[in-house]
């Protein structure tokens, strides 16, 4: 690591990747909420809304919620340096906005490390699932603004 650079917890002193040692941290209640936006062409959104977001593949919302929940539970399998966590709660909410869907994923656990990556993964995979279920109608669907909205617990809290 070069002098003057920020310290990245996932790198050792030689710059090699490492899983962060959380053995000395206390177990605390940790919650994180992440969000993704799925933007549709107006005519496609209108068509989907008219059909209550049901497709030939089934309920778009229900399928996305299940996919996001499964993804949150598998985050450590997808992101190499994440700790496997025992999640207490996964809540995925999808709301309709003007020509878009706003996906919020809130994850809670009691642990030594936060659940930001689980929330971001859940929101991302739920959004990708919406895309997959709707791509037959249009490929002009845009997933954007995947971001951490809030985290509580651990060393510091964050709120956007």
N, C-alpha and C. Protein backbone atom coordinates (compact mmCIF):
# COMPACT_ATOMS: atom_id res chain seq x y z
N UNK A 1 0.84 -1.17 0.00
CA UNK A 1 0.00 0.00 0.00
C UNK A 1 0.89 1.24 0.00
N UNK A 2 0.67 2.16 -0.93
CA UNK A 2 1.50 3.36 -1.03
C UNK A 2 1.17 4.35 0.07
N UNK A 3 2.17 5.10 0.47
CA UNK A 3 2.01 6.11 1.50
C UNK A 3 1.02 7.17 1.01
N UNK A 4 0.13 7.58 1.90
CA UNK A 4 -0.83 8.62 1.55
C UNK A 4 -2.15 8.08 1.02
N UNK A 5 -2.20 6.79 0.70
CA UNK A 5 -3.45 6.20 0.21
C UNK A 5 -4.35 5.83 1.39
N UNK A 6 -5.65 5.87 1.15
CA UNK A 6 -6.59 5.44 2.17
C UNK A 6 -6.38 3.96 2.46
N UNK A 7 -6.65 3.56 3.67
CA UNK A 7 -6.52 2.16 4.04
C UNK A 7 -7.80 1.42 3.63
N UNK A 8 -7.63 0.40 2.82
CA UNK A 8 -8.75 -0.44 2.42
C UNK A 8 -8.72 -1.70 3.27
N UNK A 9 -9.79 -1.97 3.96
CA UNK A 9 -9.82 -3.08 4.91
C UNK A 9 -9.72 -4.45 4.24
N UNK A 10 -9.98 -4.54 2.96
CA UNK A 10 -9.91 -5.81 2.26
C UNK A 10 -8.54 -6.08 1.62
N UNK A 11 -7.54 -5.27 1.99
CA UNK A 11 -6.18 -5.49 1.51
C UNK A 11 -5.23 -5.60 2.69
N UNK A 12 -4.30 -6.55 2.61
CA UNK A 12 -3.29 -6.65 3.67
C UNK A 12 -2.19 -5.62 3.40
N UNK A 13 -1.16 -5.62 4.21
CA UNK A 13 -0.10 -4.61 4.09
C UNK A 13 0.68 -4.72 2.78
N UNK A 14 0.63 -5.87 2.11
CA UNK A 14 1.30 -6.03 0.83
C UNK A 14 0.34 -5.77 -0.34
N UNK A 15 -0.89 -5.41 -0.05
CA UNK A 15 -1.86 -5.14 -1.10
C UNK A 15 -2.62 -6.37 -1.61
N UNK A 16 -2.48 -7.48 -0.90
CA UNK A 16 -3.19 -8.70 -1.28
C UNK A 16 -4.60 -8.70 -0.71
N UNK A 17 -5.55 -9.29 -1.43
CA UNK A 17 -6.92 -9.34 -0.91
C UNK A 17 -7.01 -10.20 0.34
N UNK A 18 -7.87 -9.76 1.26
CA UNK A 18 -8.09 -10.53 2.48
C UNK A 18 -9.51 -10.27 2.99
N UNK A 19 -10.06 -11.27 3.64
CA UNK A 19 -11.33 -11.10 4.31
C UNK A 19 -11.04 -10.35 5.61
N UNK A 20 -11.85 -9.36 5.92
CA UNK A 20 -11.63 -8.55 7.12
C UNK A 20 -11.80 -9.42 8.36
N UNK A 21 -10.89 -9.26 9.31
CA UNK A 21 -10.97 -9.99 10.58
C UNK A 21 -11.96 -9.28 11.49
N UNK A 22 -13.09 -9.93 11.76
CA UNK A 22 -14.12 -9.34 12.62
C UNK A 22 -14.18 -10.04 13.98
N UNK A 23 -13.18 -10.87 14.26
CA UNK A 23 -13.21 -11.69 15.48
C UNK A 23 -13.28 -10.86 16.76
N UNK A 24 -12.75 -9.64 16.76
CA UNK A 24 -12.76 -8.82 17.97
C UNK A 24 -13.97 -7.88 18.05
N UNK A 25 -14.79 -7.86 17.02
CA UNK A 25 -15.97 -6.98 17.02
C UNK A 25 -17.08 -7.57 17.87
N UNK A 26 -17.92 -6.69 18.39
CA UNK A 26 -19.08 -7.13 19.17
C UNK A 26 -20.25 -7.43 18.25
N UNK A 27 -21.06 -8.36 18.67
CA UNK A 27 -22.29 -8.65 17.94
C UNK A 27 -23.29 -7.55 18.24
N UNK A 28 -23.79 -6.91 17.19
CA UNK A 28 -24.80 -5.86 17.34
C UNK A 28 -25.89 -6.06 16.30
N UNK A 29 -27.01 -5.42 16.50
CA UNK A 29 -28.10 -5.43 15.53
C UNK A 29 -27.70 -4.51 14.38
N UNK A 30 -27.78 -5.00 13.16
CA UNK A 30 -27.36 -4.25 11.99
C UNK A 30 -28.45 -4.30 10.93
N UNK A 31 -28.71 -3.14 10.34
CA UNK A 31 -29.74 -3.03 9.31
C UNK A 31 -29.20 -2.17 8.18
N UNK A 32 -29.55 -2.53 6.96
CA UNK A 32 -29.19 -1.72 5.80
C UNK A 32 -30.34 -1.74 4.80
N UNK A 33 -30.53 -0.60 4.13
CA UNK A 33 -31.52 -0.50 3.06
C UNK A 33 -30.81 -0.01 1.81
N UNK A 34 -31.06 -0.71 0.71
CA UNK A 34 -30.53 -0.32 -0.60
C UNK A 34 -31.69 -0.19 -1.57
N UNK A 35 -31.41 0.50 -2.66
CA UNK A 35 -32.47 0.82 -3.61
C UNK A 35 -31.96 0.70 -5.04
N UNK A 36 -32.82 0.21 -5.92
CA UNK A 36 -32.56 0.21 -7.36
C UNK A 36 -33.80 0.73 -8.06
N UNK A 37 -33.59 1.37 -9.20
CA UNK A 37 -34.69 1.88 -10.01
C UNK A 37 -34.70 1.15 -11.34
N UNK A 38 -35.89 0.75 -11.77
CA UNK A 38 -36.07 0.12 -13.08
C UNK A 38 -36.98 1.04 -13.89
N UNK A 39 -36.41 1.66 -14.93
CA UNK A 39 -37.12 2.63 -15.77
C UNK A 39 -37.60 1.94 -17.05
N UNK A 40 -38.87 2.17 -17.39
CA UNK A 40 -39.48 1.56 -18.57
C UNK A 40 -39.85 2.63 -19.60
N UNK A 41 -39.91 2.26 -20.87
CA UNK A 41 -40.53 3.15 -21.84
C UNK A 41 -41.99 3.37 -21.40
N UNK A 42 -42.51 4.58 -21.51
CA UNK A 42 -43.87 4.88 -21.00
C UNK A 42 -44.95 3.91 -21.46
N UNK A 43 -44.97 3.53 -22.72
CA UNK A 43 -46.02 2.63 -23.22
C UNK A 43 -45.91 1.24 -22.58
N UNK A 44 -44.69 0.78 -22.35
CA UNK A 44 -44.48 -0.53 -21.73
C UNK A 44 -44.92 -0.48 -20.26
N UNK A 45 -44.56 0.59 -19.56
CA UNK A 45 -44.96 0.71 -18.16
C UNK A 45 -46.49 0.73 -18.05
N UNK A 46 -47.12 1.48 -18.94
CA UNK A 46 -48.59 1.56 -18.94
C UNK A 46 -49.20 0.18 -19.16
N UNK A 47 -48.64 -0.58 -20.09
CA UNK A 47 -49.13 -1.93 -20.38
C UNK A 47 -48.95 -2.84 -19.15
N UNK A 48 -47.80 -2.78 -18.52
CA UNK A 48 -47.54 -3.60 -17.34
C UNK A 48 -48.48 -3.23 -16.18
N UNK A 49 -48.65 -1.93 -15.96
CA UNK A 49 -49.52 -1.48 -14.88
C UNK A 49 -50.97 -1.91 -15.13
N UNK A 50 -51.39 -1.81 -16.38
CA UNK A 50 -52.76 -2.21 -16.75
C UNK A 50 -52.99 -3.69 -16.42
N UNK A 51 -51.94 -4.51 -16.55
CA UNK A 51 -52.02 -5.94 -16.26
C UNK A 51 -51.59 -6.28 -14.83
N UNK A 52 -51.56 -5.26 -13.95
CA UNK A 52 -51.16 -5.45 -12.55
C UNK A 52 -49.79 -6.12 -12.41
N UNK A 53 -48.91 -5.83 -13.35
CA UNK A 53 -47.54 -6.37 -13.36
C UNK A 53 -47.53 -7.89 -13.33
N UNK A 54 -48.50 -8.48 -14.04
CA UNK A 54 -48.52 -9.92 -14.25
C UNK A 54 -48.04 -10.18 -15.67
N UNK A 55 -47.21 -11.18 -15.82
CA UNK A 55 -46.70 -11.53 -17.15
C UNK A 55 -47.00 -12.99 -17.41
N UNK A 56 -46.66 -13.45 -18.60
CA UNK A 56 -46.82 -14.87 -18.92
C UNK A 56 -45.97 -15.74 -17.99
N UNK A 57 -44.90 -15.14 -17.43
CA UNK A 57 -44.03 -15.86 -16.49
C UNK A 57 -44.55 -15.81 -15.05
N UNK A 58 -45.61 -15.04 -14.79
CA UNK A 58 -46.16 -14.93 -13.44
C UNK A 58 -46.09 -13.50 -12.93
N UNK A 59 -46.26 -13.35 -11.62
CA UNK A 59 -46.23 -12.04 -10.99
C UNK A 59 -44.81 -11.48 -11.01
N UNK A 60 -44.64 -10.35 -11.65
CA UNK A 60 -43.32 -9.72 -11.73
C UNK A 60 -42.84 -9.33 -10.34
N UNK A 61 -43.72 -8.73 -9.54
CA UNK A 61 -43.33 -8.29 -8.19
C UNK A 61 -42.96 -9.48 -7.31
N UNK A 62 -43.81 -10.50 -7.28
CA UNK A 62 -43.55 -11.65 -6.40
C UNK A 62 -42.26 -12.37 -6.79
N UNK A 63 -42.05 -12.53 -8.09
CA UNK A 63 -40.83 -13.20 -8.54
C UNK A 63 -39.59 -12.39 -8.19
N UNK A 64 -39.65 -11.08 -8.35
CA UNK A 64 -38.52 -10.21 -8.01
C UNK A 64 -38.23 -10.24 -6.51
N UNK A 65 -39.28 -10.26 -5.70
CA UNK A 65 -39.10 -10.31 -4.24
C UNK A 65 -38.43 -11.62 -3.83
N UNK A 66 -38.88 -12.71 -4.40
CA UNK A 66 -38.26 -14.01 -4.07
C UNK A 66 -36.80 -14.03 -4.54
N UNK A 67 -36.54 -13.55 -5.75
CA UNK A 67 -35.16 -13.53 -6.27
C UNK A 67 -34.26 -12.66 -5.40
N UNK A 68 -34.74 -11.48 -5.01
CA UNK A 68 -33.95 -10.60 -4.16
C UNK A 68 -33.67 -11.22 -2.80
N UNK A 69 -34.66 -11.91 -2.26
CA UNK A 69 -34.48 -12.58 -0.96
C UNK A 69 -33.43 -13.68 -1.08
N UNK A 70 -33.54 -14.48 -2.12
CA UNK A 70 -32.55 -15.54 -2.34
C UNK A 70 -31.15 -14.97 -2.52
N UNK A 71 -31.06 -13.86 -3.26
CA UNK A 71 -29.75 -13.23 -3.50
C UNK A 71 -29.14 -12.71 -2.21
N UNK A 72 -29.96 -12.10 -1.35
CA UNK A 72 -29.44 -11.59 -0.07
C UNK A 72 -28.81 -12.72 0.72
N UNK A 73 -29.45 -13.88 0.72
CA UNK A 73 -28.96 -15.02 1.48
C UNK A 73 -27.70 -15.62 0.86
N UNK A 74 -27.42 -15.33 -0.41
CA UNK A 74 -26.28 -15.92 -1.11
C UNK A 74 -25.17 -14.90 -1.38
N UNK A 75 -25.23 -13.73 -0.78
CA UNK A 75 -24.27 -12.67 -1.07
C UNK A 75 -22.82 -13.12 -0.89
N UNK A 76 -22.53 -13.84 0.18
CA UNK A 76 -21.15 -14.28 0.43
C UNK A 76 -20.67 -15.25 -0.64
N UNK A 77 -21.59 -15.92 -1.34
CA UNK A 77 -21.21 -16.81 -2.44
C UNK A 77 -20.92 -16.02 -3.71
N UNK A 78 -21.45 -14.82 -3.80
CA UNK A 78 -21.31 -14.00 -5.01
C UNK A 78 -20.17 -13.00 -4.92
N UNK A 79 -19.94 -12.45 -3.74
CA UNK A 79 -18.92 -11.42 -3.55
C UNK A 79 -17.82 -12.04 -2.68
N UNK A 80 -16.65 -12.26 -3.26
CA UNK A 80 -15.63 -13.10 -2.64
C UNK A 80 -15.22 -12.78 -1.21
N UNK A 81 -15.14 -11.53 -0.82
CA UNK A 81 -14.61 -11.21 0.51
C UNK A 81 -15.70 -10.88 1.54
N UNK A 82 -16.95 -11.11 1.18
CA UNK A 82 -18.04 -10.90 2.14
C UNK A 82 -18.11 -12.07 3.12
N UNK A 83 -18.45 -11.74 4.36
CA UNK A 83 -18.66 -12.78 5.37
C UNK A 83 -20.04 -13.40 5.18
N UNK A 84 -20.14 -14.71 5.34
CA UNK A 84 -21.48 -15.32 5.33
C UNK A 84 -22.22 -14.89 6.60
N UNK A 85 -23.45 -14.45 6.45
CA UNK A 85 -24.21 -13.94 7.58
C UNK A 85 -25.52 -14.71 7.74
N UNK A 86 -25.96 -14.81 8.97
CA UNK A 86 -27.26 -15.37 9.27
C UNK A 86 -28.24 -14.20 9.33
N UNK A 87 -29.06 -14.05 8.30
CA UNK A 87 -29.95 -12.91 8.21
C UNK A 87 -31.19 -13.12 9.06
N UNK A 88 -31.61 -12.08 9.74
CA UNK A 88 -32.82 -12.13 10.57
C UNK A 88 -34.05 -11.72 9.78
N UNK A 89 -33.86 -10.81 8.82
CA UNK A 89 -34.99 -10.27 8.08
C UNK A 89 -34.53 -9.81 6.70
N UNK A 90 -35.34 -10.13 5.70
CA UNK A 90 -35.16 -9.60 4.35
C UNK A 90 -36.53 -9.07 3.94
N UNK A 91 -36.60 -7.78 3.68
CA UNK A 91 -37.85 -7.16 3.26
C UNK A 91 -37.60 -6.41 1.96
N UNK A 92 -38.31 -6.82 0.92
CA UNK A 92 -38.18 -6.16 -0.38
C UNK A 92 -39.52 -5.55 -0.74
N UNK A 93 -39.49 -4.26 -1.00
CA UNK A 93 -40.70 -3.51 -1.33
C UNK A 93 -40.52 -2.92 -2.73
N UNK A 94 -41.55 -3.07 -3.56
CA UNK A 94 -41.51 -2.52 -4.91
C UNK A 94 -42.68 -1.56 -5.06
N UNK A 95 -42.35 -0.32 -5.42
CA UNK A 95 -43.42 0.66 -5.61
C UNK A 95 -43.34 1.28 -7.00
N UNK A 96 -44.52 1.60 -7.50
CA UNK A 96 -44.64 2.21 -8.81
C UNK A 96 -44.42 3.71 -8.72
N UNK A 97 -43.59 4.20 -9.61
CA UNK A 97 -43.37 5.63 -9.78
C UNK A 97 -43.69 5.96 -11.23
N UNK A 98 -43.48 7.17 -11.66
CA UNK A 98 -43.75 7.55 -13.05
C UNK A 98 -42.88 6.74 -13.99
N UNK A 99 -43.46 5.79 -14.70
CA UNK A 99 -42.78 4.95 -15.67
C UNK A 99 -41.62 4.14 -15.10
N UNK A 100 -41.59 3.94 -13.79
CA UNK A 100 -40.50 3.18 -13.20
C UNK A 100 -40.97 2.43 -11.96
N UNK A 101 -40.14 1.48 -11.56
CA UNK A 101 -40.34 0.78 -10.31
C UNK A 101 -39.18 1.10 -9.40
N UNK A 102 -39.48 1.40 -8.15
CA UNK A 102 -38.47 1.68 -7.14
C UNK A 102 -38.41 0.46 -6.23
N UNK A 103 -37.27 -0.19 -6.20
CA UNK A 103 -37.09 -1.40 -5.39
C UNK A 103 -36.27 -1.05 -4.17
N UNK A 104 -36.82 -1.29 -2.98
CA UNK A 104 -36.11 -1.09 -1.72
C UNK A 104 -35.92 -2.43 -1.05
N UNK A 105 -34.69 -2.72 -0.66
CA UNK A 105 -34.37 -3.96 0.05
C UNK A 105 -33.79 -3.60 1.41
N UNK A 106 -34.45 -4.08 2.46
CA UNK A 106 -33.98 -3.84 3.83
C UNK A 106 -33.61 -5.18 4.44
N UNK A 107 -32.38 -5.25 4.95
CA UNK A 107 -31.85 -6.48 5.52
C UNK A 107 -31.45 -6.21 6.96
N UNK A 108 -31.73 -7.18 7.84
CA UNK A 108 -31.37 -7.07 9.25
C UNK A 108 -30.69 -8.36 9.70
N UNK A 109 -29.70 -8.20 10.57
CA UNK A 109 -29.07 -9.35 11.21
C UNK A 109 -28.47 -8.91 12.54
N UNK A 110 -28.14 -9.89 13.34
CA UNK A 110 -27.33 -9.64 14.53
C UNK A 110 -25.98 -10.26 14.21
N UNK A 111 -24.96 -9.41 14.14
CA UNK A 111 -23.66 -9.93 13.74
C UNK A 111 -22.53 -8.98 14.02
N UNK A 112 -21.35 -9.37 13.55
CA UNK A 112 -20.14 -8.59 13.74
C UNK A 112 -19.79 -7.73 12.54
N UNK A 113 -20.56 -7.85 11.47
CA UNK A 113 -20.31 -7.05 10.28
C UNK A 113 -21.65 -6.68 9.66
N UNK A 114 -21.64 -5.60 8.90
CA UNK A 114 -22.88 -5.03 8.37
C UNK A 114 -23.48 -5.80 7.22
N UNK A 115 -24.68 -5.38 6.83
CA UNK A 115 -25.45 -6.06 5.79
C UNK A 115 -25.67 -5.17 4.57
N UNK A 116 -24.77 -4.21 4.35
CA UNK A 116 -24.90 -3.34 3.18
C UNK A 116 -24.83 -4.13 1.89
N UNK A 117 -23.88 -5.04 1.80
CA UNK A 117 -23.72 -5.79 0.55
C UNK A 117 -24.92 -6.69 0.30
N UNK A 118 -25.51 -7.23 1.35
CA UNK A 118 -26.70 -8.06 1.20
C UNK A 118 -27.87 -7.22 0.69
N UNK A 119 -28.02 -6.00 1.20
CA UNK A 119 -29.09 -5.11 0.74
C UNK A 119 -28.87 -4.70 -0.71
N UNK A 120 -27.64 -4.33 -1.05
CA UNK A 120 -27.32 -3.94 -2.43
C UNK A 120 -27.51 -5.11 -3.40
N UNK A 121 -27.13 -6.29 -2.97
CA UNK A 121 -27.30 -7.48 -3.81
C UNK A 121 -28.78 -7.79 -4.01
N UNK A 122 -29.55 -7.72 -2.94
CA UNK A 122 -30.99 -8.00 -3.03
C UNK A 122 -31.69 -7.03 -3.98
N UNK A 123 -31.39 -5.73 -3.84
CA UNK A 123 -32.02 -4.72 -4.71
C UNK A 123 -31.59 -4.93 -6.17
N UNK A 124 -30.33 -5.23 -6.38
CA UNK A 124 -29.81 -5.44 -7.74
C UNK A 124 -30.44 -6.65 -8.41
N UNK A 125 -30.50 -7.76 -7.71
CA UNK A 125 -31.04 -8.99 -8.29
C UNK A 125 -32.55 -8.87 -8.49
N UNK A 126 -33.23 -8.20 -7.60
CA UNK A 126 -34.67 -7.97 -7.80
C UNK A 126 -34.88 -7.15 -9.07
N UNK A 127 -34.05 -6.12 -9.28
CA UNK A 127 -34.15 -5.30 -10.48
C UNK A 127 -33.83 -6.11 -11.73
N UNK A 128 -32.81 -6.93 -11.68
CA UNK A 128 -32.46 -7.79 -12.82
C UNK A 128 -33.59 -8.77 -13.13
N UNK A 129 -34.25 -9.24 -12.11
CA UNK A 129 -35.38 -10.16 -12.30
C UNK A 129 -36.53 -9.46 -12.99
N UNK A 130 -36.81 -8.22 -12.60
CA UNK A 130 -37.85 -7.43 -13.28
C UNK A 130 -37.48 -7.30 -14.76
N UNK A 131 -36.23 -6.95 -15.03
CA UNK A 131 -35.77 -6.84 -16.43
C UNK A 131 -36.01 -8.15 -17.17
N UNK A 132 -35.58 -9.25 -16.58
CA UNK A 132 -35.72 -10.56 -17.22
C UNK A 132 -37.17 -10.88 -17.54
N UNK A 133 -38.06 -10.55 -16.64
CA UNK A 133 -39.47 -10.86 -16.84
C UNK A 133 -40.15 -9.95 -17.86
N UNK A 134 -39.54 -8.79 -18.13
CA UNK A 134 -40.16 -7.80 -19.03
C UNK A 134 -39.44 -7.61 -20.35
N UNK A 135 -38.28 -8.21 -20.52
CA UNK A 135 -37.47 -7.96 -21.71
C UNK A 135 -38.14 -8.38 -23.01
N UNK A 136 -39.11 -9.29 -22.95
CA UNK A 136 -39.83 -9.67 -24.17
C UNK A 136 -40.66 -8.51 -24.72
N UNK A 137 -41.03 -7.57 -23.83
CA UNK A 137 -41.80 -6.40 -24.24
C UNK A 137 -40.91 -5.29 -24.79
N UNK A 138 -39.69 -5.19 -24.22
CA UNK A 138 -38.76 -4.14 -24.65
C UNK A 138 -37.39 -4.39 -24.04
N UNK A 139 -36.36 -4.10 -24.83
CA UNK A 139 -35.00 -4.12 -24.29
C UNK A 139 -34.56 -2.73 -23.85
N UNK A 140 -35.45 -1.77 -24.00
CA UNK A 140 -35.17 -0.39 -23.60
C UNK A 140 -35.61 -0.14 -22.16
N UNK A 141 -35.26 -1.08 -21.29
CA UNK A 141 -35.52 -0.98 -19.85
C UNK A 141 -34.17 -0.68 -19.21
N UNK A 142 -34.13 0.30 -18.33
CA UNK A 142 -32.87 0.73 -17.73
C UNK A 142 -32.90 0.53 -16.22
N UNK A 143 -31.90 -0.18 -15.74
CA UNK A 143 -31.70 -0.33 -14.29
C UNK A 143 -30.68 0.72 -13.88
N UNK A 144 -31.04 1.53 -12.88
CA UNK A 144 -30.13 2.61 -12.49
C UNK A 144 -30.25 2.91 -11.01
N UNK A 145 -29.38 3.80 -10.58
CA UNK A 145 -29.43 4.33 -9.23
C UNK A 145 -29.45 3.25 -8.15
N UNK A 146 -28.65 2.21 -8.32
CA UNK A 146 -28.50 1.24 -7.24
C UNK A 146 -27.59 1.88 -6.20
N UNK A 147 -28.13 2.01 -4.99
CA UNK A 147 -27.38 2.74 -3.97
C UNK A 147 -27.78 2.31 -2.57
N UNK A 148 -26.86 2.52 -1.65
CA UNK A 148 -27.15 2.33 -0.24
C UNK A 148 -27.95 3.55 0.23
N UNK A 149 -29.07 3.32 0.85
CA UNK A 149 -29.91 4.41 1.34
C UNK A 149 -29.62 4.68 2.81
N UNK A 150 -29.44 3.60 3.57
CA UNK A 150 -29.23 3.76 5.01
C UNK A 150 -28.59 2.51 5.59
N UNK A 151 -27.78 2.71 6.61
CA UNK A 151 -27.27 1.58 7.40
C UNK A 151 -27.20 1.99 8.85
N UNK A 152 -27.50 1.04 9.72
CA UNK A 152 -27.45 1.26 11.16
C UNK A 152 -26.74 0.10 11.82
N UNK A 153 -26.04 0.41 12.90
CA UNK A 153 -25.33 -0.62 13.64
C UNK A 153 -23.86 -0.61 13.29
N UNK A 154 -23.06 -1.16 14.17
CA UNK A 154 -21.62 -1.19 13.91
C UNK A 154 -20.96 0.11 14.30
N UNK A 155 -19.82 0.38 13.67
CA UNK A 155 -18.98 1.53 14.03
C UNK A 155 -19.65 2.86 13.68
N UNK A 156 -20.37 2.93 12.57
CA UNK A 156 -20.99 4.19 12.18
C UNK A 156 -22.28 3.94 11.43
N UNK A 157 -23.20 4.90 11.54
CA UNK A 157 -24.46 4.85 10.81
C UNK A 157 -24.33 5.74 9.57
N UNK A 158 -25.20 5.50 8.60
CA UNK A 158 -25.19 6.28 7.36
C UNK A 158 -26.62 6.44 6.92
N UNK A 159 -26.95 7.64 6.43
CA UNK A 159 -28.26 7.88 5.83
C UNK A 159 -28.09 8.86 4.68
N UNK A 160 -28.61 8.45 3.50
CA UNK A 160 -28.52 9.29 2.31
C UNK A 160 -29.64 10.30 2.36
